[in-house]
Amino acid sequence: MTTRNPIVAGQFYPDVPEQCREEAEQCLAARTLDVTLPEHVVAGIVPHAGWVFSGDVAGMVFQALQRTGQVVDVVVFLGASHRYAGARPAVWAEGRWAGPLGPVAVDGAMAREILEHTSAEDRPEGHRGEHSIEVQIPLLRVAFPSARIVPIVVPATCEAVQFGKDLSRVLQGRPSVVCIASTDLTHYGPRYGFAPAGQGAKGLAWAKGVNDARFIEAALAMDAEAVQSGALETLSACGPGAAGAAVAAARELGREKGILLAHTTSAEVMRRFGRTSDEAVGYAAIVY
């Protein structure tokens, strides 16, 4: 059996099982859901920074799935492509993903259907060094212990939106399958080589209130094409392919708008700890 071992356990989230479970439970319960949810969630968008920065935001999507009371048998995770250089989505099609809370099985049958009906390729090497899906696995393990996964890295190519449309046809009529895309938003400041509005409070306000907001507005409006192309043009997301594909899939599955659960930045998180920064990364949680 092919096993993917974690690469950021002990860095982005705890690698000690008891501590990992405790912190995952905290992430799921940290924020209150004060929005009206759909009866059934078909897709979502989560961030993928270390849990101390964005775990509570990601946890809201899993909490929303729990709140609806829906059965979740399989999560098709669409990950950002930080290192993968391929042009087509890369599927980890069999085996399992290991982690501090135990392994999560890959749904091989669904993976094969996705490979058959979309442009995706069976390329487990595409997940080498990629953390955007991995940091979600313990959260899923706590929220839905028996759920299986289909991990797919989605590069920011012109095929991403069409891939999402094709993926929707595999998901159609399967209410126990959910598609979750993983992306962070604007990476702003000197470390990231991106500060068009200057440094300091003014620049950070622009990153969240203007640049992140463009991405979120397109995502809520179900404009998958603008999600992908806009993020590429304005550097408003590191996983535009994954997000664009998820929005396209949700749109094809009949969703007319997204629901924003939370939006924050790493700079805002640091202020809670009494620290300041001239740099920030945006995080949002959205469901469909």
C-alpha atoms as a PDB file:
ATOM      1  CA  MET A   1       0.000   0.000   0.000  1.00  0.00           C
ATOM      2  CA  THR A   2       1.310   3.429  -0.980  1.00  0.00           C
ATOM      3  CA  THR A   3       1.622   5.713   2.047  1.00  0.00           C
ATOM      4  CA  ARG A   4       2.318   9.428   2.065  1.00  0.00           C
ATOM      5  CA  ASN A   5       4.081  10.455   5.238  1.00  0.00           C
ATOM      6  CA  PRO A   6       3.595  13.974   6.643  1.00  0.00           C
ATOM      7  CA  ILE A   7       6.205  16.618   5.875  1.00  0.00           C
ATOM      8  CA  VAL A   8       5.105  19.515   8.110  1.00  0.00           C
ATOM      9  CA  ALA A   9       3.913  17.703  11.238  1.00  0.00           C
ATOM     10  CA  GLY A  10       5.710  19.260  14.167  1.00  0.00           C
ATOM     11  CA  GLN A  11       5.968  22.557  12.269  1.00  0.00           C
ATOM     12  CA  PHE A  12       2.566  23.600  10.936  1.00  0.00           C
ATOM     13  CA  TYR A  13       0.661  21.427  13.414  1.00  0.00           C
ATOM     14  CA  PRO A  14       1.632  19.117  16.304  1.00  0.00           C
ATOM     15  CA  ASP A  15       3.192  15.738  15.594  1.00  0.00           C
ATOM     16  CA  VAL A  16       2.368  14.310  19.052  1.00  0.00           C
ATOM     17  CA  PRO A  17      -1.017  12.533  18.754  1.00  0.00           C
ATOM     18  CA  GLU A  18      -2.576  13.808  21.995  1.00  0.00           C
ATOM     19  CA  GLN A  19      -1.505  17.381  21.349  1.00  0.00           C
ATOM     20  CA  CYS A  20      -2.533  17.195  17.690  1.00  0.00           C
ATOM     21  CA  ARG A  21      -6.025  15.995  18.589  1.00  0.00           C
ATOM     22  CA  GLU A  22      -6.429  18.638  21.279  1.00  0.00           C
ATOM     23  CA  GLU A  23      -5.375  21.465  18.955  1.00  0.00           C
ATOM     24  CA  ALA A  24      -7.495  20.132  16.082  1.00  0.00           C
ATOM     25  CA  GLU A  25     -10.526  20.110  18.375  1.00  0.00           C
ATOM     26  CA  GLN A  26      -9.702  23.674  19.391  1.00  0.00           C
ATOM     27  CA  CYS A  27      -9.506  24.722  15.730  1.00  0.00           C
ATOM     28  CA  LEU A  28     -12.933  23.223  15.060  1.00  0.00           C
ATOM     29  CA  ALA A  29     -14.519  25.018  17.996  1.00  0.00           C
ATOM     30  CA  ALA A  30     -12.531  28.267  18.150  1.00  0.00           C
ATOM     31  CA  ARG A  31     -14.862  30.448  16.079  1.00  0.00           C
ATOM     32  CA  THR A  32     -18.638  30.755  16.233  1.00  0.00           C
ATOM     33  CA  LEU A  33     -20.614  30.225  13.056  1.00  0.00           C
ATOM     34  CA  ASP A  34     -23.023  33.153  12.873  1.00  0.00           C
ATOM     35  CA  VAL A  35     -24.242  32.722   9.291  1.00  0.00           C
ATOM     36  CA  THR A  36     -27.101  30.816   7.748  1.00  0.00           C
ATOM     37  CA  LEU A  37     -25.684  27.695   6.153  1.00  0.00           C
ATOM     38  CA  PRO A  38     -27.140  25.820   3.192  1.00  0.00           C
ATOM     39  CA  GLU A  39     -28.890  22.552   4.001  1.00  0.00           C
ATOM     40  CA  HIS A  40     -26.060  20.774   2.263  1.00  0.00           C
ATOM     41  CA  VAL A  41     -22.493  21.971   1.635  1.00  0.00           C
ATOM     42  CA  VAL A  42     -20.967  20.769  -1.643  1.00  0.00           C
ATOM     43  CA  ALA A  43     -17.651  22.638  -1.565  1.00  0.00           C
ATOM     44  CA  GLY A  44     -15.456  24.909   0.490  1.00  0.00           C
ATOM     45  CA  ILE A  45     -12.261  26.954   0.543  1.00  0.00           C
ATOM     46  CA  VAL A  46      -9.810  26.744   3.455  1.00  0.00           C
ATOM     47  CA  PRO A  47      -6.402  28.295   4.247  1.00  0.00           C
ATOM     48  CA  HIS A  48      -3.302  26.181   4.847  1.00  0.00           C
ATOM     49  CA  ALA A  49      -0.875  28.100   7.048  1.00  0.00           C
ATOM     50  CA  GLY A  50       0.318  26.771  10.384  1.00  0.00           C
ATOM     51  CA  TRP A  51      -2.584  26.165  12.729  1.00  0.00           C
ATOM     52  CA  VAL A  52      -1.525  28.969  15.063  1.00  0.00           C
ATOM     53  CA  PHE A  53      -2.252  31.391  12.213  1.00  0.00           C
ATOM     54  CA  SER A  54      -5.128  29.876  10.249  1.00  0.00           C
ATOM     55  CA  GLY A  55      -6.242  26.646  11.892  1.00  0.00           C
ATOM     56  CA  ASP A  56      -9.310  28.267  13.433  1.00  0.00           C
ATOM     57  CA  VAL A  57     -10.331  29.672  10.025  1.00  0.00           C
ATOM     58  CA  ALA A  58      -9.916  26.318   8.265  1.00  0.00           C
ATOM     59  CA  GLY A  59     -11.756  24.667  11.136  1.00  0.00           C
ATOM     60  CA  MET A  60     -14.861  26.704  10.364  1.00  0.00           C
ATOM     61  CA  VAL A  61     -15.427  24.848   7.087  1.00  0.00           C
ATOM     62  CA  PHE A  62     -15.260  21.474   8.833  1.00  0.00           C
ATOM     63  CA  GLN A  63     -17.474  22.849  11.606  1.00  0.00           C
ATOM     64  CA  ALA A  64     -19.971  23.973   8.969  1.00  0.00           C
ATOM     65  CA  LEU A  65     -20.061  20.461   7.534  1.00  0.00           C
ATOM     66  CA  GLN A  66     -20.766  19.113  11.005  1.00  0.00           C
ATOM     67  CA  ARG A  67     -23.487  21.700  11.620  1.00  0.00           C
ATOM     68  CA  THR A  68     -25.441  20.705   8.518  1.00  0.00           C
ATOM     69  CA  GLY A  69     -25.587  17.144   9.807  1.00  0.00           C
ATOM     70  CA  GLN A  70     -24.679  15.787   6.400  1.00  0.00           C
ATOM     71  CA  VAL A  71     -22.844  12.522   5.950  1.00  0.00           C
ATOM     72  CA  VAL A  72     -19.296  13.042   4.671  1.00  0.00           C
ATOM     73  CA  ASP A  73     -17.822   9.852   3.264  1.00  0.00           C
ATOM     74  CA  VAL A  74     -15.246  11.366   0.903  1.00  0.00           C
ATOM     75  CA  VAL A  75     -13.492  14.729   0.659  1.00  0.00           C
ATOM     76  CA  VAL A  76     -11.899  15.609  -2.666  1.00  0.00           C
ATOM     77  CA  PHE A  77      -9.108  17.945  -1.598  1.00  0.00           C
ATOM     78  CA  LEU A  78      -7.820  20.400  -4.201  1.00  0.00           C
ATOM     79  CA  GLY A  79      -4.428  21.642  -3.109  1.00  0.00           C
ATOM     80  CA  ALA A  80      -2.365  24.643  -4.089  1.00  0.00           C
ATOM     81  CA  SER A  81       0.658  24.016  -6.288  1.00  0.00           C
ATOM     82  CA  HIS A  82       3.655  25.537  -4.515  1.00  0.00           C
ATOM     83  CA  ARG A  83       6.259  23.218  -6.041  1.00  0.00           C
ATOM     84  CA  TYR A  84       4.571  21.011  -8.627  1.00  0.00           C
ATOM     85  CA  ALA A  85       5.517  22.163 -12.135  1.00  0.00           C
ATOM     86  CA  GLY A  86       3.071  20.026 -14.120  1.00  0.00           C
ATOM     87  CA  ALA A  87       0.367  21.527 -16.294  1.00  0.00           C
ATOM     88  CA  ARG A  88      -2.448  19.150 -15.282  1.00  0.00           C
ATOM     89  CA  PRO A  89      -3.980  18.301 -11.904  1.00  0.00           C
ATOM     90  CA  ALA A  90      -1.988  15.639 -10.050  1.00  0.00           C
ATOM     91  CA  VAL A  91      -3.966  12.926  -8.245  1.00  0.00           C
ATOM     92  CA  TRP A  92      -2.722  10.710  -5.424  1.00  0.00           C
ATOM     93  CA  ALA A  93      -4.882   7.818  -6.561  1.00  0.00           C
ATOM     94  CA  GLU A  94      -4.390   5.017  -4.049  1.00  0.00           C
ATOM     95  CA  GLY A  95      -3.103   4.064  -0.630  1.00  0.00           C
ATOM     96  CA  ARG A  96      -3.303   6.308   2.395  1.00  0.00           C
ATOM     97  CA  TRP A  97      -2.023   9.496   3.985  1.00  0.00           C
ATOM     98  CA  ALA A  98      -0.394   9.038   7.358  1.00  0.00           C
ATOM     99  CA  GLY A  99      -0.504  11.547  10.202  1.00  0.00           C
ATOM    100  CA  PRO A 100      -0.326  11.944  13.965  1.00  0.00           C
ATOM    101  CA  LEU A 101      -3.971  10.869  14.349  1.00  0.00           C
ATOM    102  CA  GLY A 102      -3.611   7.793  12.184  1.00  0.00           C
ATOM    103  CA  PRO A 103      -3.860   7.155   8.453  1.00  0.00           C
ATOM    104  CA  VAL A 104      -6.663   8.376   6.190  1.00  0.00           C
ATOM    105  CA  ALA A 105      -7.529   6.106   3.279  1.00  0.00           C
ATOM    106  CA  VAL A 106      -7.551   7.349  -0.299  1.00  0.00           C
ATOM    107  CA  ASP A 107     -10.782   6.461  -2.105  1.00  0.00           C
ATOM    108  CA  GLY A 108      -9.234   4.639  -5.050  1.00  0.00           C
ATOM    109  CA  ALA A 109     -12.524   4.070  -6.859  1.00  0.00           C
ATOM    110  CA  MET A 110     -13.396   7.762  -6.895  1.00  0.00           C
ATOM    111  CA  ALA A 111      -9.842   8.683  -7.816  1.00  0.00           C
ATOM    112  CA  ARG A 112     -10.068   6.411 -10.849  1.00  0.00           C
ATOM    113  CA  GLU A 113     -13.369   8.015 -11.898  1.00  0.00           C
ATOM    114  CA  ILE A 114     -11.825  11.459 -11.650  1.00  0.00           C
ATOM    115  CA  LEU A 115      -8.857  10.322 -13.725  1.00  0.00           C
ATOM    116  CA  GLU A 116     -11.200   8.874 -16.331  1.00  0.00           C
ATOM    117  CA  HIS A 117     -13.512  11.872 -16.672  1.00  0.00           C
ATOM    118  CA  THR A 118     -11.179  14.839 -16.195  1.00  0.00           C
ATOM    119  CA  SER A 119      -7.792  16.062 -17.383  1.00  0.00           C
ATOM    120  CA  ALA A 120      -6.126  14.984 -14.124  1.00  0.00           C
ATOM    121  CA  GLU A 121      -3.147  12.624 -14.089  1.00  0.00           C
ATOM    122  CA  ASP A 122      -2.127   9.901 -11.650  1.00  0.00           C
ATOM    123  CA  ARG A 123       0.975  11.659 -10.338  1.00  0.00           C
ATOM    124  CA  PRO A 124       1.694  11.104  -6.649  1.00  0.00           C
ATOM    125  CA  GLU A 125       5.048  12.831  -7.146  1.00  0.00           C
ATOM    126  CA  GLY A 126       3.079  16.043  -7.661  1.00  0.00           C
ATOM    127  CA  HIS A 127       2.395  16.017  -3.913  1.00  0.00           C
ATOM    128  CA  ARG A 128       6.060  15.878  -2.957  1.00  0.00           C
ATOM    129  CA  GLY A 129       6.870  18.784  -0.658  1.00  0.00           C
ATOM    130  CA  GLU A 130       3.297  20.155  -0.790  1.00  0.00           C
ATOM    131  CA  HIS A 131       1.625  21.017   2.524  1.00  0.00           C
ATOM    132  CA  SER A 132      -1.661  22.630   1.480  1.00  0.00           C
ATOM    133  CA  ILE A 133      -3.688  19.424   1.759  1.00  0.00           C
ATOM    134  CA  GLU A 134      -1.674  17.798   4.531  1.00  0.00           C
ATOM    135  CA  VAL A 135      -2.542  20.421   7.158  1.00  0.00           C
ATOM    136  CA  GLN A 136      -6.264  19.671   6.633  1.00  0.00           C
ATOM    137  CA  ILE A 137      -5.950  15.928   7.273  1.00  0.00           C
ATOM    138  CA  PRO A 138      -5.972  15.964  11.121  1.00  0.00           C
ATOM    139  CA  LEU A 139      -8.908  18.414  11.084  1.00  0.00           C
ATOM    140  CA  LEU A 140     -10.828  16.010   8.858  1.00  0.00           C
ATOM    141  CA  ARG A 141      -9.757  13.076  11.029  1.00  0.00           C
ATOM    142  CA  VAL A 142     -11.335  14.725  14.080  1.00  0.00           C
ATOM    143  CA  ALA A 143     -14.446  16.068  12.332  1.00  0.00           C
ATOM    144  CA  PHE A 144     -15.216  12.956  10.270  1.00  0.00           C
ATOM    145  CA  PRO A 145     -13.061  10.051  11.498  1.00  0.00           C
ATOM    146  CA  SER A 146     -14.137   7.546   8.846  1.00  0.00           C
ATOM    147  CA  ALA A 147     -14.022   9.860   5.821  1.00  0.00           C
ATOM    148  CA  ARG A 148     -11.782   8.963   2.887  1.00  0.00           C
ATOM    149  CA  ILE A 149      -9.933  11.416   0.664  1.00  0.00           C
ATOM    150  CA  VAL A 150      -8.906  12.044  -2.929  1.00  0.00           C
ATOM    151  CA  PRO A 151      -5.928  14.453  -2.842  1.00  0.00           C
ATOM    152  CA  ILE A 152      -5.368  16.499  -6.009  1.00  0.00           C
ATOM    153  CA  VAL A 153      -2.813  19.255  -6.558  1.00  0.00           C
ATOM    154  CA  VAL A 154      -4.289  21.764  -9.032  1.00  0.00           C
ATOM    155  CA  PRO A 155      -1.780  24.029 -10.812  1.00  0.00           C
ATOM    156  CA  ALA A 156      -2.780  27.529 -11.838  1.00  0.00           C
ATOM    157  CA  THR A 157      -3.188  26.699 -15.524  1.00  0.00           C
ATOM    158  CA  CYS A 158      -5.943  27.533 -17.965  1.00  0.00           C
ATOM    159  CA  GLU A 159      -7.287  23.997 -17.460  1.00  0.00           C
ATOM    160  CA  ALA A 160      -8.209  24.511 -13.808  1.00  0.00           C
ATOM    161  CA  VAL A 161     -11.726  25.876 -14.298  1.00  0.00           C
ATOM    162  CA  GLN A 162     -12.560  23.248 -16.907  1.00  0.00           C
ATOM    163  CA  PHE A 163     -11.193  20.617 -14.551  1.00  0.00           C
ATOM    164  CA  GLY A 164     -13.640  21.860 -11.906  1.00  0.00           C
ATOM    165  CA  LYS A 165     -16.526  21.602 -14.364  1.00  0.00           C
ATOM    166  CA  ASP A 166     -15.535  18.064 -15.296  1.00  0.00           C
ATOM    167  CA  LEU A 167     -15.057  17.155 -11.647  1.00  0.00           C
ATOM    168  CA  SER A 168     -18.611  18.273 -10.882  1.00  0.00           C
ATOM    169  CA  ARG A 169     -19.944  15.543 -13.153  1.00  0.00           C
ATOM    170  CA  VAL A 170     -18.186  12.944 -11.037  1.00  0.00           C
ATOM    171  CA  LEU A 171     -19.588  14.508  -7.868  1.00  0.00           C
ATOM    172  CA  GLN A 172     -23.128  14.924  -9.204  1.00  0.00           C
ATOM    173  CA  GLY A 173     -25.653  12.863  -7.289  1.00  0.00           C
ATOM    174  CA  ARG A 174     -23.209  12.027  -4.513  1.00  0.00           C
ATOM    175  CA  PRO A 175     -24.291  14.069  -1.482  1.00  0.00           C
ATOM    176  CA  SER A 176     -21.728  12.408   0.804  1.00  0.00           C
ATOM    177  CA  VAL A 177     -18.806  13.719  -1.266  1.00  0.00           C
ATOM    178  CA  VAL A 178     -17.467  17.241  -0.623  1.00  0.00           C
ATOM    179  CA  CYS A 179     -14.863  19.222  -2.565  1.00  0.00           C
ATOM    180  CA  ILE A 180     -12.525  21.408  -0.488  1.00  0.00           C
ATOM    181  CA  ALA A 181      -9.914  23.693  -2.040  1.00  0.00           C
ATOM    182  CA  SER A 182      -6.919  24.978  -0.115  1.00  0.00           C
ATOM    183  CA  THR A 183      -5.449  28.420  -0.687  1.00  0.00           C
ATOM    184  CA  ASP A 184      -4.071  31.313   1.307  1.00  0.00           C
ATOM    185  CA  LEU A 185      -4.691  34.849   0.078  1.00  0.00           C
ATOM    186  CA  THR A 186      -2.417  37.858  -0.511  1.00  0.00           C
ATOM    187  CA  HIS A 187       1.189  37.372   0.605  1.00  0.00           C
ATOM    188  CA  TYR A 188       2.166  40.967   1.325  1.00  0.00           C
ATOM    189  CA  GLY A 189       5.426  42.586   2.350  1.00  0.00           C
ATOM    190  CA  PRO A 190       9.179  42.548   1.714  1.00  0.00           C
ATOM    191  CA  ARG A 191       9.589  38.841   2.415  1.00  0.00           C
ATOM    192  CA  TYR A 192       7.200  38.068  -0.424  1.00  0.00           C
ATOM    193  CA  GLY A 193       8.490  40.722  -2.808  1.00  0.00           C
ATOM    194  CA  PHE A 194       5.011  42.210  -3.099  1.00  0.00           C
ATOM    195  CA  ALA A 195       4.141  45.599  -1.594  1.00  0.00           C
ATOM    196  CA  PRO A 196       2.468  47.765  -4.259  1.00  0.00           C
ATOM    197  CA  ALA A 197       0.640  49.875  -1.659  1.00  0.00           C
ATOM    198  CA  GLY A 198       3.724  50.503   0.437  1.00  0.00           C
ATOM    199  CA  GLN A 199       4.766  49.124   3.780  1.00  0.00           C
ATOM    200  CA  GLY A 200       3.167  49.564   7.158  1.00  0.00           C
ATOM    201  CA  ALA A 201      -0.483  49.805   8.163  1.00  0.00           C
ATOM    202  CA  LYS A 202      -1.606  51.341   4.867  1.00  0.00           C
ATOM    203  CA  GLY A 203      -0.137  48.508   2.824  1.00  0.00           C
ATOM    204  CA  LEU A 204      -1.566  45.804   5.078  1.00  0.00           C
ATOM    205  CA  ALA A 205      -4.988  47.439   4.939  1.00  0.00           C
ATOM    206  CA  TRP A 206      -4.831  47.402   1.134  1.00  0.00           C
ATOM    207  CA  ALA A 207      -3.781  43.747   1.070  1.00  0.00           C
ATOM    208  CA  LYS A 208      -6.808  42.700   3.106  1.00  0.00           C
ATOM    209  CA  GLY A 209      -9.410  45.288   2.184  1.00  0.00           C
ATOM    210  CA  VAL A 210      -8.692  45.525  -1.531  1.00  0.00           C
ATOM    211  CA  ASN A 211      -6.619  42.647  -2.844  1.00  0.00           C
ATOM    212  CA  ASP A 212      -8.046  39.844  -0.692  1.00  0.00           C
ATOM    213  CA  ALA A 213     -11.486  41.391  -1.108  1.00  0.00           C
ATOM    214  CA  ARG A 214     -11.304  41.065  -4.906  1.00  0.00           C
ATOM    215  CA  PHE A 215     -10.649  37.361  -4.616  1.00  0.00           C
ATOM    216  CA  ILE A 216     -13.370  36.853  -2.020  1.00  0.00           C
ATOM    217  CA  GLU A 217     -15.911  38.852  -4.034  1.00  0.00           C
ATOM    218  CA  ALA A 218     -15.291  36.705  -7.118  1.00  0.00           C
ATOM    219  CA  ALA A 219     -15.440  33.507  -5.058  1.00  0.00           C
ATOM    220  CA  LEU A 220     -18.735  34.481  -3.433  1.00  0.00           C
ATOM    221  CA  ALA A 221     -20.179  35.466  -6.817  1.00  0.00           C
ATOM    222  CA  MET A 222     -19.287  32.035  -8.257  1.00  0.00           C
ATOM    223  CA  ASP A 223     -17.034  33.659 -10.854  1.00  0.00           C
ATOM    224  CA  ALA A 224     -14.532  30.816 -11.156  1.00  0.00           C
ATOM    225  CA  GLU A 225     -12.768  32.410 -14.096  1.00  0.00           C
ATOM    226  CA  ALA A 226     -12.192  35.648 -12.161  1.00  0.00           C
ATOM    227  CA  VAL A 227     -11.046  33.700  -9.109  1.00  0.00           C
ATOM    228  CA  GLN A 228      -8.310  32.068 -11.112  1.00  0.00           C
ATOM    229  CA  SER A 229      -7.294  34.791 -13.546  1.00  0.00           C
ATOM    230  CA  GLY A 230      -7.728  37.585 -11.015  1.00  0.00           C
ATOM    231  CA  ALA A 231      -5.492  35.875  -8.484  1.00  0.00           C
ATOM    232  CA  LEU A 232      -2.822  35.358 -11.114  1.00  0.00           C
ATOM    233  CA  GLU A 233      -2.969  39.019 -12.122  1.00  0.00           C
ATOM    234  CA  THR A 234      -3.099  40.554  -8.636  1.00  0.00           C
ATOM    235  CA  LEU A 235      -1.275  37.862  -6.617  1.00  0.00           C
ATOM    236  CA  SER A 236      -4.280  37.589  -4.327  1.00  0.00           C
ATOM    237  CA  ALA A 237      -4.015  33.816  -3.749  1.00  0.00           C
ATOM    238  CA  CYS A 238      -1.344  31.124  -3.843  1.00  0.00           C
ATOM    239  CA  GLY A 239      -3.787  28.409  -4.942  1.00  0.00           C
ATOM    240  CA  PRO A 240      -5.805  30.048  -7.707  1.00  0.00           C
ATOM    241  CA  GLY A 241      -6.124  26.815  -9.673  1.00  0.00           C
ATOM    242  CA  ALA A 242      -7.492  24.893  -6.715  1.00  0.00           C
ATOM    243  CA  ALA A 243      -9.894  27.678  -5.751  1.00  0.00           C
ATOM    244  CA  GLY A 244     -11.059  28.276  -9.309  1.00  0.00           C
ATOM    245  CA  ALA A 245     -11.720  24.570  -9.809  1.00  0.00           C
ATOM    246  CA  ALA A 246     -13.717  24.316  -6.573  1.00  0.00           C
ATOM    247  CA  VAL A 247     -15.847  27.344  -7.420  1.00  0.00           C
ATOM    248  CA  ALA A 248     -16.467  25.977 -10.923  1.00  0.00           C
ATOM    249  CA  ALA A 249     -17.493  22.606  -9.493  1.00  0.00           C
ATOM    250  CA  ALA A 250     -19.853  24.226  -6.977  1.00  0.00           C
ATOM    251  CA  ARG A 251     -21.396  26.386  -9.700  1.00  0.00           C
ATOM    252  CA  GLU A 252     -22.011  23.349 -11.901  1.00  0.00           C
ATOM    253  CA  LEU A 253     -23.581  21.609  -8.907  1.00  0.00           C
ATOM    254  CA  GLY A 254     -26.164  24.384  -8.685  1.00  0.00           C
ATOM    255  CA  ARG A 255     -24.768  26.792  -6.147  1.00  0.00           C
ATOM    256  CA  GLU A 256     -25.532  30.448  -6.888  1.00  0.00           C
ATOM    257  CA  LYS A 257     -23.430  32.123  -4.201  1.00  0.00           C
ATOM    258  CA  GLY A 258     -20.778  31.387  -1.641  1.00  0.00           C
ATOM    259  CA  ILE A 259     -20.947  32.088   2.084  1.00  0.00           C
ATOM    260  CA  LEU A 260     -18.020  33.807   3.776  1.00  0.00           C
ATOM    261  CA  LEU A 261     -17.377  32.354   7.228  1.00  0.00           C
ATOM    262  CA  ALA A 262     -14.250  34.309   8.177  1.00  0.00           C
ATOM    263  CA  HIS A 263     -11.474  36.497   6.797  1.00  0.00           C
ATOM    264  CA  THR A 264      -8.340  37.505   8.655  1.00  0.00           C
ATOM    265  CA  THR A 265      -4.586  37.903   8.164  1.00  0.00           C
ATOM    266  CA  SER A 266      -1.426  36.727   9.864  1.00  0.00           C
ATOM    267  CA  ALA A 267      -0.747  40.325  10.955  1.00  0.00           C
ATOM    268  CA  GLU A 268      -4.090  40.423  12.768  1.00  0.00           C
ATOM    269  CA  VAL A 269      -3.326  37.092  14.430  1.00  0.00           C
ATOM    270  CA  MET A 270       0.061  38.385  15.582  1.00  0.00           C
ATOM    271  CA  ARG A 271      -1.580  41.423  17.154  1.00  0.00           C
ATOM    272  CA  ARG A 272      -3.560  39.066  19.378  1.00  0.00           C
ATOM    273  CA  PHE A 273      -0.206  37.956  20.767  1.00  0.00           C
ATOM    274  CA  GLY A 274       0.977  41.535  21.268  1.00  0.00           C
ATOM    275  CA  ARG A 275       3.264  41.504  18.217  1.00  0.00           C
ATOM    276  CA  THR A 276       3.330  43.643  15.080  1.00  0.00           C
ATOM    277  CA  SER A 277       4.466  42.978  11.534  1.00  0.00           C
ATOM    278  CA  ASP A 278       4.889  44.810   8.233  1.00  0.00           C
ATOM    279  CA  GLU A 279       4.013  41.570   6.430  1.00  0.00           C
ATOM    280  CA  ALA A 280       0.822  39.569   6.202  1.00  0.00           C
ATOM    281  CA  VAL A 281      -0.835  36.593   4.571  1.00  0.00           C
ATOM    282  CA  GLY A 282      -4.605  36.529   4.150  1.00  0.00           C
ATOM    283  CA  TYR A 283      -6.861  33.647   5.193  1.00  0.00           C
ATOM    284  CA  ALA A 284     -10.518  33.047   4.345  1.00  0.00           C
ATOM    285  CA  ALA A 285     -13.070  30.303   4.905  1.00  0.00           C
ATOM    286  CA  ILE A 286     -15.894  29.964   2.380  1.00  0.00           C
ATOM    287  CA  VAL A 287     -18.592  27.319   1.851  1.00  0.00           C
ATOM    288  CA  TYR A 288     -21.005  26.626  -1.000  1.00  0.00           C
END
